[in-house]
N, C-alpha and C. Protein backbone atom coordinates (compact mmCIF):
# COMPACT_ATOMS: atom_id res chain seq x y z
N MET A 1 109.79 62.57 65.16
CA MET A 1 110.85 63.50 65.48
C MET A 1 110.91 64.62 64.44
N ALA A 2 110.59 64.32 63.24
CA ALA A 2 110.59 65.31 62.18
C ALA A 2 109.58 66.40 62.47
N LEU A 3 108.48 66.03 63.10
CA LEU A 3 107.47 67.01 63.43
C LEU A 3 108.00 68.00 64.46
N ALA A 4 108.75 67.51 65.43
CA ALA A 4 109.32 68.37 66.45
C ALA A 4 110.32 69.32 65.84
N VAL A 5 111.08 68.84 64.87
CA VAL A 5 112.07 69.69 64.23
C VAL A 5 111.38 70.77 63.44
N LEU A 6 110.28 70.45 62.77
CA LEU A 6 109.55 71.44 62.00
C LEU A 6 108.97 72.53 62.87
N SER A 7 108.45 72.15 64.04
CA SER A 7 107.82 73.16 64.89
C SER A 7 108.85 74.11 65.48
N GLU A 8 110.11 73.69 65.54
CA GLU A 8 111.14 74.54 66.10
C GLU A 8 111.97 75.22 65.01
N SER A 9 111.55 75.13 63.83
CA SER A 9 112.31 75.72 62.73
C SER A 9 112.27 77.24 62.85
N PRO A 10 113.27 77.91 62.31
CA PRO A 10 113.34 79.36 62.42
C PRO A 10 112.13 80.04 61.82
N SER A 11 111.57 79.51 60.76
CA SER A 11 110.43 80.17 60.15
C SER A 11 109.21 80.08 61.05
N ASN A 12 109.04 78.97 61.75
CA ASN A 12 107.90 78.85 62.68
C ASN A 12 108.10 79.76 63.89
N ILE A 13 109.31 79.89 64.33
CA ILE A 13 109.58 80.75 65.47
C ILE A 13 109.28 82.19 65.10
N ARG A 14 109.70 82.59 63.89
CA ARG A 14 109.44 83.94 63.44
C ARG A 14 107.97 84.18 63.23
N ALA A 15 107.26 83.17 62.89
CA ALA A 15 105.84 83.31 62.64
C ALA A 15 105.05 83.36 63.94
N GLY A 16 105.69 83.21 65.03
CA GLY A 16 105.01 83.33 66.32
C GLY A 16 104.60 81.99 66.89
N ALA A 17 105.08 80.92 66.36
CA ALA A 17 104.74 79.61 66.92
C ALA A 17 105.35 79.49 68.30
N LYS A 18 104.61 78.89 69.20
CA LYS A 18 105.09 78.76 70.57
C LYS A 18 105.98 77.55 70.68
N GLN A 19 107.03 77.72 71.44
CA GLN A 19 107.93 76.61 71.71
C GLN A 19 107.54 75.99 73.04
N ARG A 20 107.73 74.75 73.18
CA ARG A 20 107.48 74.07 74.44
C ARG A 20 108.82 73.74 75.07
N SER A 21 109.04 74.26 76.21
CA SER A 21 110.28 73.94 76.92
C SER A 21 109.95 73.74 78.40
N PRO A 22 109.35 72.64 78.77
CA PRO A 22 108.96 72.41 80.16
C PRO A 22 110.15 72.20 81.10
N ALA A 23 111.27 71.71 80.60
CA ALA A 23 112.40 71.41 81.48
C ALA A 23 112.92 72.66 82.19
N PRO A 24 113.16 73.80 81.52
CA PRO A 24 113.66 74.97 82.24
C PRO A 24 112.67 75.46 83.30
N LYS A 25 111.38 75.41 83.05
CA LYS A 25 110.41 75.85 84.04
C LYS A 25 110.47 74.95 85.27
N ARG A 26 110.55 73.66 85.03
CA ARG A 26 110.64 72.73 86.14
C ARG A 26 111.93 72.99 86.93
N ARG A 27 113.02 73.23 86.25
CA ARG A 27 114.30 73.52 86.89
C ARG A 27 114.18 74.80 87.72
N GLN A 28 113.56 75.83 87.15
CA GLN A 28 113.37 77.10 87.85
C GLN A 28 112.49 76.89 89.08
N SER A 29 111.50 76.05 88.99
CA SER A 29 110.61 75.75 90.10
C SER A 29 111.39 75.09 91.24
N HIS A 30 112.28 74.16 90.91
CA HIS A 30 113.08 73.51 91.94
C HIS A 30 114.02 74.51 92.62
N ASN A 31 114.63 75.39 91.86
CA ASN A 31 115.51 76.41 92.44
C ASN A 31 114.75 77.32 93.40
N LEU A 32 113.52 77.70 93.03
CA LEU A 32 112.70 78.55 93.88
C LEU A 32 112.33 77.82 95.17
N GLU A 33 111.97 76.55 95.05
CA GLU A 33 111.63 75.76 96.23
C GLU A 33 112.85 75.61 97.15
N ASP A 34 114.02 75.39 96.57
CA ASP A 34 115.24 75.30 97.36
C ASP A 34 115.54 76.61 98.08
N SER A 35 115.34 77.72 97.39
CA SER A 35 115.59 79.03 98.00
C SER A 35 114.62 79.28 99.15
N ILE A 36 113.37 78.94 98.95
CA ILE A 36 112.38 79.12 100.02
C ILE A 36 112.73 78.23 101.21
N ALA A 37 113.14 77.00 100.96
CA ALA A 37 113.52 76.09 102.04
C ALA A 37 114.71 76.66 102.82
N ASP A 38 115.69 77.21 102.11
CA ASP A 38 116.85 77.82 102.79
C ASP A 38 116.42 79.02 103.64
N ILE A 39 115.51 79.83 103.11
CA ILE A 39 115.03 81.00 103.86
C ILE A 39 114.29 80.54 105.11
N LEU A 40 113.48 79.51 105.00
CA LEU A 40 112.76 78.98 106.16
C LEU A 40 113.71 78.44 107.22
N LYS A 41 114.76 77.76 106.80
CA LYS A 41 115.75 77.25 107.76
C LYS A 41 116.42 78.41 108.50
N THR A 42 116.80 79.43 107.74
CA THR A 42 117.43 80.60 108.34
C THR A 42 116.47 81.28 109.31
N THR A 43 115.21 81.37 108.91
CA THR A 43 114.20 82.00 109.77
C THR A 43 114.04 81.21 111.07
N LEU A 44 114.04 79.89 110.98
CA LEU A 44 113.93 79.06 112.18
C LEU A 44 115.13 79.29 113.11
N HIS A 45 116.32 79.39 112.54
CA HIS A 45 117.52 79.64 113.36
C HIS A 45 117.42 81.01 114.02
N LEU A 46 116.95 82.01 113.26
CA LEU A 46 116.80 83.35 113.83
C LEU A 46 115.77 83.35 114.95
N THR A 47 114.68 82.62 114.75
CA THR A 47 113.65 82.54 115.79
C THR A 47 114.22 81.89 117.04
N ASP A 48 114.97 80.82 116.88
CA ASP A 48 115.60 80.17 118.04
C ASP A 48 116.55 81.14 118.75
N ASP A 49 117.36 81.87 117.97
CA ASP A 49 118.29 82.82 118.55
C ASP A 49 117.55 83.94 119.30
N CYS A 50 116.45 84.40 118.72
CA CYS A 50 115.66 85.46 119.37
C CYS A 50 115.05 84.95 120.67
N ASN A 51 114.55 83.73 120.67
CA ASN A 51 113.99 83.15 121.89
C ASN A 51 115.05 83.02 122.97
N LYS A 52 116.25 82.59 122.58
CA LYS A 52 117.35 82.47 123.54
C LYS A 52 117.73 83.84 124.08
N ALA A 53 117.81 84.84 123.20
CA ALA A 53 118.15 86.20 123.63
C ALA A 53 117.08 86.74 124.58
N SER A 54 115.84 86.44 124.31
CA SER A 54 114.75 86.89 125.16
C SER A 54 114.87 86.27 126.56
N ARG A 55 115.18 84.97 126.61
CA ARG A 55 115.37 84.32 127.92
C ARG A 55 116.56 84.93 128.66
N ASP A 56 117.63 85.23 127.92
CA ASP A 56 118.80 85.85 128.55
C ASP A 56 118.45 87.23 129.10
N CYS A 57 117.66 87.99 128.36
CA CYS A 57 117.25 89.32 128.82
C CYS A 57 116.42 89.23 130.09
N LEU A 58 115.53 88.27 130.15
CA LEU A 58 114.72 88.08 131.35
C LEU A 58 115.61 87.73 132.55
N ARG A 59 116.60 86.88 132.32
CA ARG A 59 117.52 86.49 133.38
C ARG A 59 118.33 87.70 133.85
N VAL A 60 118.80 88.52 132.92
CA VAL A 60 119.57 89.71 133.27
C VAL A 60 118.67 90.70 134.03
N ARG A 61 117.44 90.86 133.59
CA ARG A 61 116.52 91.77 134.26
C ARG A 61 116.27 91.32 135.70
N ARG A 62 116.08 90.01 135.89
CA ARG A 62 115.86 89.48 137.23
C ARG A 62 117.08 89.73 138.12
N LYS A 63 118.28 89.45 137.59
CA LYS A 63 119.51 89.67 138.35
C LYS A 63 119.70 91.15 138.66
N SER A 64 119.35 92.01 137.70
CA SER A 64 119.48 93.44 137.88
C SER A 64 118.58 93.92 139.01
N LYS A 65 117.36 93.39 139.06
CA LYS A 65 116.45 93.76 140.16
C LYS A 65 117.01 93.30 141.49
N GLU A 66 117.56 92.08 141.53
CA GLU A 66 118.15 91.57 142.77
C GLU A 66 119.31 92.45 143.20
N LEU A 67 120.16 92.83 142.25
CA LEU A 67 121.31 93.68 142.55
C LEU A 67 120.85 95.05 143.04
N GLY A 68 119.84 95.61 142.38
CA GLY A 68 119.30 96.90 142.81
C GLY A 68 118.77 96.83 144.23
N GLN A 69 118.08 95.77 144.55
CA GLN A 69 117.56 95.59 145.91
C GLN A 69 118.71 95.49 146.92
N HIS A 70 119.74 94.70 146.53
CA HIS A 70 120.90 94.54 147.42
C HIS A 70 121.59 95.89 147.65
N LEU A 71 121.77 96.66 146.59
CA LEU A 71 122.42 97.97 146.73
C LEU A 71 121.57 98.91 147.58
N GLY A 72 120.25 98.85 147.38
CA GLY A 72 119.36 99.68 148.18
C GLY A 72 119.46 99.32 149.65
N ASP A 73 119.48 98.02 149.94
CA ASP A 73 119.62 97.57 151.32
C ASP A 73 120.94 98.03 151.92
N LEU A 74 122.01 97.93 151.12
CA LEU A 74 123.33 98.33 151.62
C LEU A 74 123.37 99.85 151.84
N ALA A 75 122.73 100.62 150.97
CA ALA A 75 122.71 102.08 151.13
C ALA A 75 121.97 102.47 152.41
N VAL A 76 120.84 101.80 152.66
CA VAL A 76 120.09 102.07 153.89
C VAL A 76 120.93 101.68 155.09
N GLN A 77 121.57 100.53 155.00
CA GLN A 77 122.38 100.04 156.11
C GLN A 77 123.52 101.02 156.40
N ALA A 78 124.17 101.52 155.35
CA ALA A 78 125.32 102.40 155.53
C ALA A 78 124.91 103.80 155.97
N SER A 79 123.61 104.11 155.95
CA SER A 79 123.17 105.46 156.31
C SER A 79 123.06 105.67 157.82
N THR A 80 123.23 104.62 158.59
CA THR A 80 123.21 104.76 160.04
C THR A 80 124.59 104.40 160.59
N LEU A 81 124.89 104.90 161.77
CA LEU A 81 126.19 104.62 162.35
C LEU A 81 126.38 103.13 162.61
N ALA A 82 125.37 102.47 163.15
CA ALA A 82 125.48 101.03 163.40
C ALA A 82 125.61 100.27 162.09
N GLY A 83 124.87 100.70 161.08
CA GLY A 83 124.96 100.05 159.77
C GLY A 83 126.32 100.25 159.14
N ALA A 84 126.85 101.47 159.26
CA ALA A 84 128.19 101.73 158.73
C ALA A 84 129.22 100.86 159.44
N ALA A 85 129.03 100.69 160.73
CA ALA A 85 129.96 99.84 161.49
C ALA A 85 129.90 98.41 160.98
N GLN A 86 128.71 97.93 160.64
CA GLN A 86 128.60 96.57 160.10
C GLN A 86 129.34 96.46 158.79
N VAL A 87 129.20 97.46 157.91
CA VAL A 87 129.90 97.43 156.62
C VAL A 87 131.41 97.46 156.87
N TRP A 88 131.86 98.31 157.81
CA TRP A 88 133.28 98.37 158.12
C TRP A 88 133.77 97.02 158.61
N ARG A 89 133.00 96.38 159.49
CA ARG A 89 133.43 95.08 160.03
C ARG A 89 133.51 94.03 158.93
N SER A 90 132.74 94.19 157.88
CA SER A 90 132.80 93.22 156.79
C SER A 90 134.13 93.28 156.04
N LEU A 91 134.89 94.37 156.23
CA LEU A 91 136.20 94.50 155.58
C LEU A 91 137.25 93.62 156.24
N ALA A 92 137.07 93.41 157.51
CA ALA A 92 138.05 92.60 158.25
C ALA A 92 137.71 91.14 158.05
N PRO A 93 138.69 90.28 158.22
CA PRO A 93 138.36 88.86 158.18
C PRO A 93 137.28 88.60 159.22
N LYS A 94 136.54 87.55 159.04
CA LYS A 94 135.45 87.23 159.95
C LYS A 94 135.99 87.12 161.37
N ILE A 95 135.81 88.18 162.11
CA ILE A 95 136.33 88.25 163.47
C ILE A 95 135.16 88.10 164.43
N ASP A 96 135.30 87.20 165.34
CA ASP A 96 134.32 87.03 166.42
C ASP A 96 134.39 88.32 167.25
N PRO A 97 133.21 88.90 167.59
CA PRO A 97 133.24 90.14 168.38
C PRO A 97 134.11 90.03 169.63
N ALA A 98 134.22 88.83 170.17
CA ALA A 98 135.06 88.64 171.35
C ALA A 98 136.54 88.80 171.00
N LEU A 99 136.85 88.73 169.72
CA LEU A 99 138.25 88.83 169.29
C LEU A 99 138.57 90.17 168.63
N LEU A 100 137.74 91.18 168.86
CA LEU A 100 138.03 92.49 168.30
C LEU A 100 139.09 93.19 169.16
N THR A 101 140.15 92.48 169.33
CA THR A 101 141.25 93.00 170.14
C THR A 101 142.02 94.03 169.35
N GLU A 102 142.80 94.80 170.04
CA GLU A 102 143.61 95.80 169.37
C GLU A 102 144.57 95.14 168.37
N THR A 103 145.13 94.00 168.73
CA THR A 103 146.06 93.29 167.85
C THR A 103 145.35 92.83 166.57
N ALA A 104 144.18 92.22 166.70
CA ALA A 104 143.44 91.74 165.53
C ALA A 104 143.01 92.90 164.64
N LEU A 105 142.57 93.99 165.27
CA LEU A 105 142.15 95.16 164.49
C LEU A 105 143.35 95.82 163.82
N ARG A 106 144.50 95.83 164.49
CA ARG A 106 145.71 96.41 163.90
C ARG A 106 146.10 95.64 162.63
N GLU A 107 146.01 94.32 162.68
CA GLU A 107 146.33 93.51 161.50
C GLU A 107 145.40 93.84 160.34
N ALA A 108 144.11 93.95 160.64
CA ALA A 108 143.14 94.28 159.59
C ALA A 108 143.39 95.69 159.05
N PHE A 109 143.67 96.64 159.95
CA PHE A 109 143.94 98.03 159.56
C PHE A 109 145.17 98.08 158.65
N ASP A 110 146.23 97.41 159.06
CA ASP A 110 147.48 97.43 158.28
C ASP A 110 147.29 96.79 156.90
N ALA A 111 146.40 95.81 156.81
CA ALA A 111 146.14 95.19 155.50
C ALA A 111 145.46 96.18 154.55
N ILE A 112 144.65 97.09 155.09
CA ILE A 112 143.96 98.10 154.27
C ILE A 112 144.90 99.26 153.98
N ASP A 113 145.78 99.61 154.93
CA ASP A 113 146.71 100.74 154.81
C ASP A 113 147.88 100.34 153.90
N VAL A 114 147.62 100.32 152.62
CA VAL A 114 148.59 99.83 151.64
C VAL A 114 149.89 100.65 151.64
N ASP A 115 149.77 101.98 151.78
CA ASP A 115 150.98 102.80 151.71
C ASP A 115 151.72 102.89 153.05
N GLY A 116 151.15 102.28 154.11
CA GLY A 116 151.82 102.24 155.40
C GLY A 116 151.90 103.58 156.11
N SER A 117 151.04 104.52 155.75
CA SER A 117 151.08 105.86 156.34
C SER A 117 150.50 105.93 157.74
N GLY A 118 149.80 104.88 158.15
CA GLY A 118 149.17 104.91 159.46
C GLY A 118 147.80 105.55 159.42
N LYS A 119 147.37 105.94 158.25
CA LYS A 119 146.04 106.52 158.05
C LYS A 119 145.44 105.91 156.79
N LEU A 120 144.14 105.66 156.84
CA LEU A 120 143.45 105.13 155.67
C LEU A 120 142.90 106.29 154.87
N GLU A 121 143.41 106.44 153.64
CA GLU A 121 142.92 107.48 152.74
C GLU A 121 141.78 106.91 151.89
N GLY A 122 141.07 107.82 151.25
CA GLY A 122 139.91 107.44 150.43
C GLY A 122 140.15 106.29 149.46
N PRO A 123 141.20 106.35 148.64
CA PRO A 123 141.42 105.25 147.68
C PRO A 123 141.68 103.90 148.35
N GLU A 124 142.35 103.91 149.50
CA GLU A 124 142.61 102.65 150.21
C GLU A 124 141.30 102.07 150.74
N VAL A 125 140.48 102.95 151.31
CA VAL A 125 139.19 102.50 151.84
C VAL A 125 138.31 102.01 150.69
N ALA A 126 138.29 102.76 149.60
CA ALA A 126 137.46 102.37 148.44
C ALA A 126 137.90 101.01 147.91
N ALA A 127 139.20 100.80 147.79
CA ALA A 127 139.69 99.51 147.27
C ALA A 127 139.29 98.38 148.20
N ALA A 128 139.41 98.59 149.51
CA ALA A 128 139.05 97.54 150.47
C ALA A 128 137.56 97.25 150.43
N ILE A 129 136.75 98.30 150.36
CA ILE A 129 135.30 98.10 150.32
C ILE A 129 134.88 97.42 149.02
N LYS A 130 135.44 97.87 147.91
CA LYS A 130 135.06 97.28 146.62
C LYS A 130 135.56 95.85 146.49
N LYS A 131 136.61 95.52 147.21
CA LYS A 131 137.08 94.13 147.20
C LYS A 131 136.03 93.23 147.85
N GLY A 132 135.45 93.71 148.93
CA GLY A 132 134.42 92.94 149.62
C GLY A 132 133.05 93.09 149.00
N ASN A 133 132.80 94.25 148.38
CA ASN A 133 131.51 94.53 147.76
C ASN A 133 131.73 95.34 146.48
N PRO A 134 131.92 94.66 145.34
CA PRO A 134 132.22 95.37 144.10
C PRO A 134 131.12 96.33 143.65
N ASP A 135 129.92 96.18 144.21
CA ASP A 135 128.80 97.02 143.81
C ASP A 135 128.69 98.30 144.63
N ALA A 136 129.57 98.50 145.58
CA ALA A 136 129.52 99.69 146.42
C ALA A 136 129.73 100.93 145.56
N THR A 137 128.93 101.95 145.81
CA THR A 137 129.04 103.19 145.05
C THR A 137 130.01 104.14 145.75
N ASP A 138 130.48 105.14 145.02
CA ASP A 138 131.38 106.13 145.60
C ASP A 138 130.69 106.89 146.74
N GLU A 139 129.39 107.14 146.57
CA GLU A 139 128.64 107.84 147.61
C GLU A 139 128.60 107.02 148.90
N MET A 140 128.36 105.73 148.77
CA MET A 140 128.33 104.87 149.95
C MET A 140 129.70 104.86 150.64
N ILE A 141 130.75 104.81 149.85
CA ILE A 141 132.11 104.78 150.42
C ILE A 141 132.40 106.09 151.15
N GLN A 142 132.00 107.21 150.54
CA GLN A 142 132.21 108.51 151.20
C GLN A 142 131.44 108.60 152.51
N ASN A 143 130.23 108.04 152.53
CA ASN A 143 129.45 108.03 153.77
C ASN A 143 130.13 107.19 154.84
N LEU A 144 130.67 106.05 154.45
CA LEU A 144 131.38 105.21 155.42
C LEU A 144 132.59 105.92 155.99
N ILE A 145 133.32 106.61 155.13
CA ILE A 145 134.49 107.37 155.59
C ILE A 145 134.04 108.48 156.54
N LYS A 146 132.96 109.17 156.18
CA LYS A 146 132.45 110.26 157.01
C LYS A 146 132.06 109.75 158.40
N PHE A 147 131.42 108.58 158.47
CA PHE A 147 131.04 108.03 159.78
C PHE A 147 132.26 107.71 160.63
N ALA A 148 133.30 107.19 160.00
CA ALA A 148 134.47 106.76 160.77
C ALA A 148 135.41 107.92 161.10
N ASP A 149 135.45 108.93 160.24
CA ASP A 149 136.40 110.05 160.39
C ASP A 149 135.86 111.07 161.40
N THR A 150 136.06 110.78 162.66
CA THR A 150 135.50 111.65 163.70
C THR A 150 136.24 112.97 163.86
N ASP A 151 137.52 113.05 163.48
CA ASP A 151 138.24 114.32 163.61
C ASP A 151 138.14 115.19 162.35
N GLY A 152 137.51 114.66 161.29
CA GLY A 152 137.24 115.45 160.10
C GLY A 152 138.43 115.75 159.22
N ASP A 153 139.53 115.01 159.36
CA ASP A 153 140.71 115.30 158.53
C ASP A 153 140.68 114.59 157.17
N GLY A 154 139.62 113.83 156.89
CA GLY A 154 139.50 113.17 155.59
C GLY A 154 140.17 111.81 155.53
N THR A 155 140.82 111.42 156.63
CA THR A 155 141.45 110.10 156.70
C THR A 155 140.96 109.39 157.96
N ILE A 156 141.25 108.11 158.04
CA ILE A 156 140.85 107.34 159.21
C ILE A 156 142.12 106.80 159.86
N ASP A 157 142.36 107.25 161.08
CA ASP A 157 143.52 106.73 161.80
C ASP A 157 143.10 105.45 162.54
N PHE A 158 144.07 104.82 163.19
CA PHE A 158 143.79 103.54 163.83
C PHE A 158 142.75 103.67 164.94
N GLU A 159 142.81 104.74 165.72
CA GLU A 159 141.84 104.93 166.81
C GLU A 159 140.42 105.03 166.25
N GLU A 160 140.26 105.79 165.17
CA GLU A 160 138.93 105.91 164.54
C GLU A 160 138.48 104.56 163.99
N TYR A 161 139.40 103.85 163.39
CA TYR A 161 139.10 102.53 162.83
C TYR A 161 138.64 101.58 163.94
N MET A 162 139.37 101.58 165.04
CA MET A 162 139.03 100.71 166.15
C MET A 162 137.64 101.07 166.70
N ALA A 163 137.36 102.35 166.80
CA ALA A 163 136.07 102.79 167.34
C ALA A 163 134.92 102.34 166.43
N ILE A 164 135.08 102.52 165.12
CA ILE A 164 133.99 102.14 164.22
C ILE A 164 133.82 100.63 164.17
N MET A 165 134.90 99.91 164.26
CA MET A 165 134.81 98.45 164.23
C MET A 165 134.13 97.91 165.47
N ARG A 166 134.27 98.62 166.57
CA ARG A 166 133.68 98.15 167.83
C ARG A 166 132.29 98.75 168.09
N THR A 167 131.84 99.65 167.22
CA THR A 167 130.51 100.24 167.40
C THR A 167 129.45 99.15 167.35
N GLY A 168 128.56 99.17 168.34
CA GLY A 168 127.48 98.21 168.39
C GLY A 168 127.87 96.86 168.95
N VAL A 169 129.13 96.72 169.34
CA VAL A 169 129.60 95.45 169.93
C VAL A 169 129.68 95.65 171.43
N ASP A 170 129.21 94.69 172.15
CA ASP A 170 129.28 94.73 173.62
C ASP A 170 130.74 94.77 174.04
N GLU A 171 131.16 95.89 174.62
CA GLU A 171 132.55 96.10 175.01
C GLU A 171 133.05 95.05 176.00
N THR A 172 132.15 94.48 176.80
CA THR A 172 132.60 93.49 177.78
C THR A 172 133.00 92.19 177.12
N SER A 173 132.56 91.98 175.85
CA SER A 173 132.93 90.74 175.16
C SER A 173 134.27 90.85 174.47
N VAL A 174 134.83 92.08 174.36
CA VAL A 174 136.12 92.29 173.73
C VAL A 174 137.21 92.02 174.76
N GLN A 175 138.14 91.17 174.41
CA GLN A 175 139.21 90.81 175.35
C GLN A 175 140.35 91.76 175.25
């Protein structure tokens, strides 16, 4: 032990004698290994999160394509008078064509005519269409109104509503 004390004496240190201190290096090595292990764990979690986000993006992309196709189909459908009539009929409760009576259509019309004015204005029609199809665009709604509004006053009265609802339906089946 005396030899160890001599080698660590101030005069030996000043003379440039090397000290041996393996414990701090070993301690520093363990800290570095722990830090690397923590970084690797974090990296693994980030990789898992990225993989999950990638799967979610693929799912959203797939749904977006499906929605785009559906909107395209609806736009094509609404571009013809018969197609517009189908979209209009989707606003009413599922009515058998044989039951497109004036009474049944009046009930459906009155449910859409929120302000009770006897005419369906743009916002009422838009609300009814978006309730049944939240993806409907303003352009599609305007086209539907244009098809139904035969007198061009910008609103749809009951007679116009009845006509569009019965378009493409065999009149002999209506009671």
